[in-house]
PDB file of N, CA and C in Angstrom:
ATOM      1  N   MET A   1    -143.634  54.792 -96.980  1.00  0.00           N
ATOM      2  CA  MET A   1    -143.280  56.129 -96.570  1.00  0.00           C
ATOM      3  C   MET A   1    -142.850  56.081 -95.110  1.00  0.00           C
ATOM      4  N   LYS A   2    -141.713  56.700 -94.806  1.00  0.00           N
ATOM      5  CA  LYS A   2    -141.220  56.752 -93.433  1.00  0.00           C
ATOM      6  C   LYS A   2    -141.701  58.037 -92.764  1.00  0.00           C
ATOM      7  N   ILE A   3    -142.211  57.876 -91.554  1.00  0.00           N
ATOM      8  CA  ILE A   3    -142.686  58.996 -90.755  1.00  0.00           C
ATOM      9  C   ILE A   3    -141.862  59.022 -89.470  1.00  0.00           C
ATOM     10  N   SER A   4    -141.355  60.185 -89.098  1.00  0.00           N
ATOM     11  CA  SER A   4    -140.601  60.344 -87.856  1.00  0.00           C
ATOM     12  C   SER A   4    -141.450  61.067 -86.824  1.00  0.00           C
ATOM     13  N   VAL A   5    -141.349  60.593 -85.577  1.00  0.00           N
ATOM     14  CA  VAL A   5    -142.134  61.155 -84.484  1.00  0.00           C
ATOM     15  C   VAL A   5    -141.235  61.347 -83.270  1.00  0.00           C
ATOM     16  N   ILE A   6    -141.385  62.484 -82.603  1.00  0.00           N
ATOM     17  CA  ILE A   6    -140.708  62.721 -81.331  1.00  0.00           C
ATOM     18  C   ILE A   6    -141.777  62.842 -80.252  1.00  0.00           C
ATOM     19  N   ILE A   7    -141.568  62.116 -79.161  1.00  0.00           N
ATOM     20  CA  ILE A   7    -142.482  62.175 -78.026  1.00  0.00           C
ATOM     21  C   ILE A   7    -141.700  62.686 -76.828  1.00  0.00           C
ATOM     22  N   THR A   8    -142.215  63.736 -76.195  1.00  0.00           N
ATOM     23  CA  THR A   8    -141.553  64.332 -75.041  1.00  0.00           C
ATOM     24  C   THR A   8    -142.551  64.521 -73.903  1.00  0.00           C
ATOM     25  N   LEU A   9    -142.011  64.608 -72.706  1.00  0.00           N
ATOM     26  CA  LEU A   9    -142.863  64.916 -71.564  1.00  0.00           C
ATOM     27  C   LEU A   9    -143.373  66.343 -71.698  1.00  0.00           C
ATOM     28  N   LYS A  10    -144.592  66.587 -71.247  1.00  0.00           N
ATOM     29  CA  LYS A  10    -145.126  67.943 -71.262  1.00  0.00           C
ATOM     30  C   LYS A  10    -144.262  68.822 -70.359  1.00  0.00           C
ATOM     31  N   LYS A  11    -144.233  70.110 -70.653  1.00  0.00           N
ATOM     32  CA  LYS A  11    -143.362  71.042 -69.937  1.00  0.00           C
ATOM     33  C   LYS A  11    -143.570  71.029 -68.429  1.00  0.00           C
ATOM     34  N   ASP A  12    -144.792  70.833 -67.966  1.00  0.00           N
ATOM     35  CA  ASP A  12    -145.087  70.881 -66.535  1.00  0.00           C
ATOM     36  C   ASP A  12    -144.780  69.573 -65.808  1.00  0.00           C
ATOM     37  N   VAL A  13    -144.380  68.535 -66.560  1.00  0.00           N
ATOM     38  CA  VAL A  13    -144.116  67.222 -65.966  1.00  0.00           C
ATOM     39  C   VAL A  13    -142.626  67.119 -65.629  1.00  0.00           C
ATOM     40  N   LEU A  14    -142.344  66.740 -64.385  1.00  0.00           N
ATOM     41  CA  LEU A  14    -140.974  66.556 -63.938  1.00  0.00           C
ATOM     42  C   LEU A  14    -140.294  65.472 -64.773  1.00  0.00           C
ATOM     43  N   ASP A  15    -139.044  65.726 -65.175  1.00  0.00           N
ATOM     44  CA  ASP A  15    -138.281  64.780 -65.992  1.00  0.00           C
ATOM     45  C   ASP A  15    -137.048  64.323 -65.206  1.00  0.00           C
ATOM     46  N   PRO A  16    -137.196  63.322 -64.329  1.00  0.00           N
ATOM     47  CA  PRO A  16    -136.056  62.893 -63.514  1.00  0.00           C
ATOM     48  C   PRO A  16    -134.894  62.343 -64.334  1.00  0.00           C
ATOM     49  N   GLN A  17    -135.187  61.680 -65.431  1.00  0.00           N
ATOM     50  CA  GLN A  17    -134.103  61.151 -66.267  1.00  0.00           C
ATOM     51  C   GLN A  17    -133.332  62.292 -66.923  1.00  0.00           C
ATOM     52  N   GLY A  18    -134.045  63.312 -67.383  1.00  0.00           N
ATOM     53  CA  GLY A  18    -133.379  64.486 -67.941  1.00  0.00           C
ATOM     54  C   GLY A  18    -132.524  65.184 -66.904  1.00  0.00           C
ATOM     55  N   LYS A  19    -133.006  65.223 -65.649  1.00  0.00           N
ATOM     56  CA  LYS A  19    -132.255  65.846 -64.558  1.00  0.00           C
ATOM     57  C   LYS A  19    -130.944  65.104 -64.311  1.00  0.00           C
ATOM     58  N   VAL A  20    -130.993  63.763 -64.301  1.00  0.00           N
ATOM     59  CA  VAL A  20    -129.788  62.951 -64.095  1.00  0.00           C
ATOM     60  C   VAL A  20    -128.802  63.163 -65.243  1.00  0.00           C
ATOM     61  N   ILE A  21    -129.313  63.207 -66.471  1.00  0.00           N
ATOM     62  CA  ILE A  21    -128.439  63.455 -67.628  1.00  0.00           C
ATOM     63  C   ILE A  21    -127.779  64.818 -67.495  1.00  0.00           C
ATOM     64  N   HIS A  22    -128.549  65.819 -67.095  1.00  0.00           N
ATOM     65  CA  HIS A  22    -128.015  67.177 -66.909  1.00  0.00           C
ATOM     66  C   HIS A  22    -126.910  67.180 -65.860  1.00  0.00           C
ATOM     67  N   GLN A  23    -127.151  66.546 -64.725  1.00  0.00           N
ATOM     68  CA  GLN A  23    -126.151  66.487 -63.660  1.00  0.00           C
ATOM     69  C   GLN A  23    -124.889  65.758 -64.123  1.00  0.00           C
ATOM     70  N   THR A  24    -125.070  64.684 -64.866  1.00  0.00           N
ATOM     71  CA  THR A  24    -123.921  63.913 -65.366  1.00  0.00           C
ATOM     72  C   THR A  24    -123.105  64.739 -66.353  1.00  0.00           C
ATOM     73  N   LEU A  25    -123.782  65.431 -67.262  1.00  0.00           N
ATOM     74  CA  LEU A  25    -123.063  66.282 -68.215  1.00  0.00           C
ATOM     75  C   LEU A  25    -122.294  67.376 -67.489  1.00  0.00           C
ATOM     76  N   ASP A  26    -122.928  67.963 -66.468  1.00  0.00           N
ATOM     77  CA  ASP A  26    -122.267  68.992 -65.667  1.00  0.00           C
ATOM     78  C   ASP A  26    -121.024  68.417 -64.991  1.00  0.00           C
ATOM     79  N   GLY A  27    -121.155  67.210 -64.441  1.00  0.00           N
ATOM     80  CA  GLY A  27    -120.027  66.548 -63.794  1.00  0.00           C
ATOM     81  C   GLY A  27    -118.907  66.198 -64.765  1.00  0.00           C
ATOM     82  N   MET A  28    -119.231  66.052 -66.027  1.00  0.00           N
ATOM     83  CA  MET A  28    -118.222  65.749 -67.053  1.00  0.00           C
ATOM     84  C   MET A  28    -117.564  67.013 -67.598  1.00  0.00           C
ATOM     85  N   GLY A  29    -118.009  68.159 -67.095  1.00  0.00           N
ATOM     86  CA  GLY A  29    -117.385  69.407 -67.516  1.00  0.00           C
ATOM     87  C   GLY A  29    -118.134  70.162 -68.601  1.00  0.00           C
ATOM     88  N   PHE A  30    -119.291  69.688 -68.992  1.00  0.00           N
ATOM     89  CA  PHE A  30    -120.099  70.409 -69.976  1.00  0.00           C
ATOM     90  C   PHE A  30    -120.904  71.472 -69.241  1.00  0.00           C
ATOM     91  N   GLU A  31    -120.422  72.698 -69.294  1.00  0.00           N
ATOM     92  CA  GLU A  31    -121.038  73.787 -68.538  1.00  0.00           C
ATOM     93  C   GLU A  31    -121.990  74.595 -69.412  1.00  0.00           C
ATOM     94  N   GLY A  32    -122.832  75.380 -68.765  1.00  0.00           N
ATOM     95  CA  GLY A  32    -123.717  76.288 -69.482  1.00  0.00           C
ATOM     96  C   GLY A  32    -124.984  75.646 -70.008  1.00  0.00           C
ATOM     97  N   ILE A  33    -125.340  74.478 -69.489  1.00  0.00           N
ATOM     98  CA  ILE A  33    -126.574  73.813 -69.912  1.00  0.00           C
ATOM     99  C   ILE A  33    -127.678  74.200 -68.931  1.00  0.00           C
ATOM    100  N   ASN A  34    -128.751  74.774 -69.420  1.00  0.00           N
ATOM    101  CA  ASN A  34    -129.857  75.181 -68.560  1.00  0.00           C
ATOM    102  C   ASN A  34    -130.736  74.008 -68.144  1.00  0.00           C
ATOM    103  N   GLU A  35    -131.048  73.123 -69.087  1.00  0.00           N
ATOM    104  CA  GLU A  35    -131.970  72.034 -68.803  1.00  0.00           C
ATOM    105  C   GLU A  35    -131.807  70.934 -69.849  1.00  0.00           C
ATOM    106  N   VAL A  36    -132.048  69.700 -69.448  1.00  0.00           N
ATOM    107  CA  VAL A  36    -132.087  68.571 -70.377  1.00  0.00           C
ATOM    108  C   VAL A  36    -133.435  67.886 -70.185  1.00  0.00           C
ATOM    109  N   ARG A  37    -134.136  67.663 -71.279  1.00  0.00           N
ATOM    110  CA  ARG A  37    -135.389  66.911 -71.262  1.00  0.00           C
ATOM    111  C   ARG A  37    -135.212  65.767 -72.251  1.00  0.00           C
ATOM    112  N   GLN A  38    -135.516  64.569 -71.817  1.00  0.00           N
ATOM    113  CA  GLN A  38    -135.355  63.416 -72.697  1.00  0.00           C
ATOM    114  C   GLN A  38    -136.704  62.986 -73.236  1.00  0.00           C
ATOM    115  N   GLY A  39    -136.665  62.218 -74.307  1.00  0.00           N
ATOM    116  CA  GLY A  39    -137.904  61.765 -74.917  1.00  0.00           C
ATOM    117  C   GLY A  39    -137.690  60.494 -75.717  1.00  0.00           C
ATOM    118  N   LYS A  40    -138.630  60.223 -76.607  1.00  0.00           N
ATOM    119  CA  LYS A  40    -138.565  59.031 -77.452  1.00  0.00           C
ATOM    120  C   LYS A  40    -138.630  59.467 -78.914  1.00  0.00           C
ATOM    121  N   TYR A  41    -137.946  58.717 -79.746  1.00  0.00           N
ATOM    122  CA  TYR A  41    -137.941  58.976 -81.184  1.00  0.00           C
ATOM    123  C   TYR A  41    -138.357  57.696 -81.896  1.00  0.00           C
ATOM    124  N   PHE A  42    -139.298  57.811 -82.815  1.00  0.00           N
ATOM    125  CA  PHE A  42    -139.752  56.672 -83.596  1.00  0.00           C
ATOM    126  C   PHE A  42    -139.633  56.979 -85.082  1.00  0.00           C
ATOM    127  N   GLU A  43    -139.197  55.998 -85.855  1.00  0.00           N
ATOM    128  CA  GLU A  43    -139.291  56.024 -87.315  1.00  0.00           C
ATOM    129  C   GLU A  43    -140.239  54.897 -87.694  1.00  0.00           C
ATOM    130  N   ILE A  44    -141.330  55.252 -88.318  1.00  0.00           N
ATOM    131  CA  ILE A  44    -142.335  54.264 -88.691  1.00  0.00           C
ATOM    132  C   ILE A  44    -142.408  54.212 -90.213  1.00  0.00           C
ATOM    133  N   ASP A  45    -142.112  53.040 -90.762  1.00  0.00           N
ATOM    134  CA  ASP A  45    -142.144  52.849 -92.209  1.00  0.00           C
ATOM    135  C   ASP A  45    -143.483  52.213 -92.559  1.00  0.00           C
ATOM    136  N   THR A  46    -144.343  52.963 -93.224  1.00  0.00           N
ATOM    137  CA  THR A  46    -145.669  52.468 -93.571  1.00  0.00           C
ATOM    138  C   THR A  46    -145.766  52.193 -95.067  1.00  0.00           C
ATOM    139  N   LYS A  47    -146.681  51.375 -95.444  1.00  0.00           N
ATOM    140  CA  LYS A  47    -146.894  51.048 -96.858  1.00  0.00           C
ATOM    141  C   LYS A  47    -147.709  52.115 -97.572  1.00  0.00           C
ATOM    142  N   GLU A  48    -148.203  53.085 -96.816  1.00  0.00           N
ATOM    143  CA  GLU A  48    -149.036  54.159 -97.367  1.00  0.00           C
ATOM    144  C   GLU A  48    -148.200  55.080 -98.257  1.00  0.00           C
ATOM    145  N   ASP A  49    -148.700  55.401 -99.444  1.00  0.00           N
ATOM    146  CA  ASP A  49    -148.004  56.301-100.365  1.00  0.00           C
ATOM    147  C   ASP A  49    -148.451  57.755-100.225  1.00  0.00           C
ATOM    148  N   ASP A  50    -149.654  57.962 -99.726  1.00  0.00           N
ATOM    149  CA  ASP A  50    -150.190  59.304 -99.561  1.00  0.00           C
ATOM    150  C   ASP A  50    -149.683  59.891 -98.234  1.00  0.00           C
ATOM    151  N   LYS A  51    -148.974  61.022 -98.316  1.00  0.00           N
ATOM    152  CA  LYS A  51    -148.348  61.625 -97.138  1.00  0.00           C
ATOM    153  C   LYS A  51    -149.372  61.957 -96.047  1.00  0.00           C
ATOM    154  N   LYS A  52    -150.480  62.571 -96.414  1.00  0.00           N
ATOM    155  CA  LYS A  52    -151.491  62.953 -95.421  1.00  0.00           C
ATOM    156  C   LYS A  52    -152.085  61.731 -94.729  1.00  0.00           C
ATOM    157  N   LYS A  53    -152.365  60.683 -95.506  1.00  0.00           N
ATOM    158  CA  LYS A  53    -152.918  59.465 -94.929  1.00  0.00           C
ATOM    159  C   LYS A  53    -151.902  58.791 -93.999  1.00  0.00           C
ATOM    160  N   ALA A  54    -150.646  58.760 -94.427  1.00  0.00           N
ATOM    161  CA  ALA A  54    -149.596  58.148 -93.605  1.00  0.00           C
ATOM    162  C   ALA A  54    -149.437  58.900 -92.286  1.00  0.00           C
ATOM    163  N   GLU A  55    -149.396  60.227 -92.349  1.00  0.00           N
ATOM    164  CA  GLU A  55    -149.252  61.022 -91.133  1.00  0.00           C
ATOM    165  C   GLU A  55    -150.475  60.867 -90.226  1.00  0.00           C
ATOM    166  N   LYS A  56    -151.654  60.738 -90.799  1.00  0.00           N
ATOM    167  CA  LYS A  56    -152.872  60.537 -90.019  1.00  0.00           C
ATOM    168  C   LYS A  56    -152.820  59.200 -89.279  1.00  0.00           C
ATOM    169  N   LYS A  57    -152.348  58.158 -89.966  1.00  0.00           N
ATOM    170  CA  LYS A  57    -152.220  56.847 -89.329  1.00  0.00           C
ATOM    171  C   LYS A  57    -151.241  56.904 -88.165  1.00  0.00           C
ATOM    172  N   VAL A  58    -150.113  57.572 -88.379  1.00  0.00           N
ATOM    173  CA  VAL A  58    -149.105  57.675 -87.325  1.00  0.00           C
ATOM    174  C   VAL A  58    -149.641  58.509 -86.160  1.00  0.00           C
ATOM    175  N   GLU A  59    -150.403  59.537 -86.462  1.00  0.00           N
ATOM    176  CA  GLU A  59    -151.024  60.334 -85.404  1.00  0.00           C
ATOM    177  C   GLU A  59    -151.947  59.453 -84.547  1.00  0.00           C
ATOM    178  N   GLU A  60    -152.717  58.607 -85.190  1.00  0.00           N
ATOM    179  CA  GLU A  60    -153.591  57.687 -84.461  1.00  0.00           C
ATOM    180  C   GLU A  60    -152.783  56.724 -83.599  1.00  0.00           C
ATOM    181  N   MET A  61    -151.652  56.237 -84.138  1.00  0.00           N
ATOM    182  CA  MET A  61    -150.776  55.343 -83.378  1.00  0.00           C
ATOM    183  C   MET A  61    -150.267  56.034 -82.118  1.00  0.00           C
ATOM    184  N   CYS A  62    -149.887  57.299 -82.271  1.00  0.00           N
ATOM    185  CA  CYS A  62    -149.387  58.063 -81.119  1.00  0.00           C
ATOM    186  C   CYS A  62    -150.476  58.225 -80.066  1.00  0.00           C
ATOM    187  N   LYS A  63    -151.660  58.558 -80.504  1.00  0.00           N
ATOM    188  CA  LYS A  63    -152.764  58.787 -79.569  1.00  0.00           C
ATOM    189  C   LYS A  63    -153.206  57.510 -78.867  1.00  0.00           C
ATOM    190  N   LYS A  64    -153.121  56.375 -79.558  1.00  0.00           N
ATOM    191  CA  LYS A  64    -153.628  55.125 -78.999  1.00  0.00           C
ATOM    192  C   LYS A  64    -152.580  54.298 -78.259  1.00  0.00           C
ATOM    193  N   LEU A  65    -151.276  54.466 -78.608  1.00  0.00           N
ATOM    194  CA  LEU A  65    -150.271  53.583 -78.018  1.00  0.00           C
ATOM    195  C   LEU A  65    -148.944  54.263 -77.693  1.00  0.00           C
ATOM    196  N   LEU A  66    -148.375  54.966 -78.639  1.00  0.00           N
ATOM    197  CA  LEU A  66    -146.995  55.416 -78.495  1.00  0.00           C
ATOM    198  C   LEU A  66    -146.791  56.512 -77.452  1.00  0.00           C
ATOM    199  N   ALA A  67    -147.776  57.385 -77.283  1.00  0.00           N
ATOM    200  CA  ALA A  67    -147.661  58.486 -76.326  1.00  0.00           C
ATOM    201  C   ALA A  67    -148.709  58.350 -75.232  1.00  0.00           C
ATOM    202  N   ASN A  68    -148.303  58.694 -74.012  1.00  0.00           N
ATOM    203  CA  ASN A  68    -149.246  58.802 -72.903  1.00  0.00           C
ATOM    204  C   ASN A  68    -149.709  60.254 -72.883  1.00  0.00           C
ATOM    205  N   LEU A  69    -150.850  60.517 -73.446  1.00  0.00           N
ATOM    206  CA  LEU A  69    -151.304  61.890 -73.670  1.00  0.00           C
ATOM    207  C   LEU A  69    -151.557  62.670 -72.389  1.00  0.00           C
ATOM    208  N   VAL A  70    -151.621  61.993 -71.263  1.00  0.00           N
ATOM    209  CA  VAL A  70    -151.781  62.697 -69.994  1.00  0.00           C
ATOM    210  C   VAL A  70    -150.503  63.459 -69.644  1.00  0.00           C
ATOM    211  N   ILE A  71    -149.346  62.851 -69.930  1.00  0.00           N
ATOM    212  CA  ILE A  71    -148.069  63.469 -69.536  1.00  0.00           C
ATOM    213  C   ILE A  71    -147.125  63.746 -70.701  1.00  0.00           C
ATOM    214  N   GLU A  72    -147.468  63.304 -71.914  1.00  0.00           N
ATOM    215  CA  GLU A  72    -146.563  63.457 -73.051  1.00  0.00           C
ATOM    216  C   GLU A  72    -147.223  64.191 -74.218  1.00  0.00           C
ATOM    217  N   ASP A  73    -146.388  64.883 -74.966  1.00  0.00           N
ATOM    218  CA  ASP A  73    -146.772  65.492 -76.232  1.00  0.00           C
ATOM    219  C   ASP A  73    -146.062  64.739 -77.347  1.00  0.00           C
ATOM    220  N   PHE A  74    -146.619  64.779 -78.543  1.00  0.00           N
ATOM    221  CA  PHE A  74    -145.921  64.186 -79.683  1.00  0.00           C
ATOM    222  C   PHE A  74    -145.920  65.151 -80.841  1.00  0.00           C
ATOM    223  N   LYS A  75    -144.915  64.987 -81.689  1.00  0.00           N
ATOM    224  CA  LYS A  75    -144.785  65.853 -82.862  1.00  0.00           C
ATOM    225  C   LYS A  75    -144.297  65.002 -84.024  1.00  0.00           C
ATOM    226  N   ILE A  76    -145.048  65.025 -85.109  1.00  0.00           N
ATOM    227  CA  ILE A  76    -144.614  64.357 -86.337  1.00  0.00           C
ATOM    228  C   ILE A  76    -143.652  65.321 -87.020  1.00  0.00           C
ATOM    229  N   ILE A  77    -142.403  64.891 -87.174  1.00  0.00           N
ATOM    230  CA  ILE A  77    -141.372  65.833 -87.631  1.00  0.00           C
ATOM    231  C   ILE A  77    -140.970  65.650 -89.080  1.00  0.00           C
ATOM    232  N   GLY A  78    -141.411  64.601 -89.714  1.00  0.00           N
ATOM    233  CA  GLY A  78    -141.015  64.449 -91.101  1.00  0.00           C
ATOM    234  C   GLY A  78    -141.529  63.184 -91.727  1.00  0.00           C
ATOM    235  N   SER A  79    -141.515  63.191 -93.029  1.00  0.00           N
ATOM    236  CA  SER A  79    -141.898  61.997 -93.781  1.00  0.00           C
ATOM    237  C   SER A  79    -141.041  61.925 -95.027  1.00  0.00           C
ATOM    238  N   GLN A  80    -140.768  60.699 -95.430  1.00  0.00           N
ATOM    239  CA  GLN A  80    -139.926  60.475 -96.614  1.00  0.00           C
ATOM    240  C   GLN A  80    -140.588  59.469 -97.531  1.00  0.00           C
TER     241      GLN A  80
END
């Protein structure tokens, strides 16, 4: 079963990379953008067949390794 996860910086954490992307897009003529925040995307293919168990395992992975919970949030966005 494939599980997708998005990890982003918490709203109160400064995102310098997102700021640079925003400035670059503005310089390229893409106007009307209020803010850009960048993050990480993971697709994890597990051998687990039970959706709840698979999502629980991925949640544990996020808490223990994939996300820095002090400054990042994570969201499991789907499973296949």
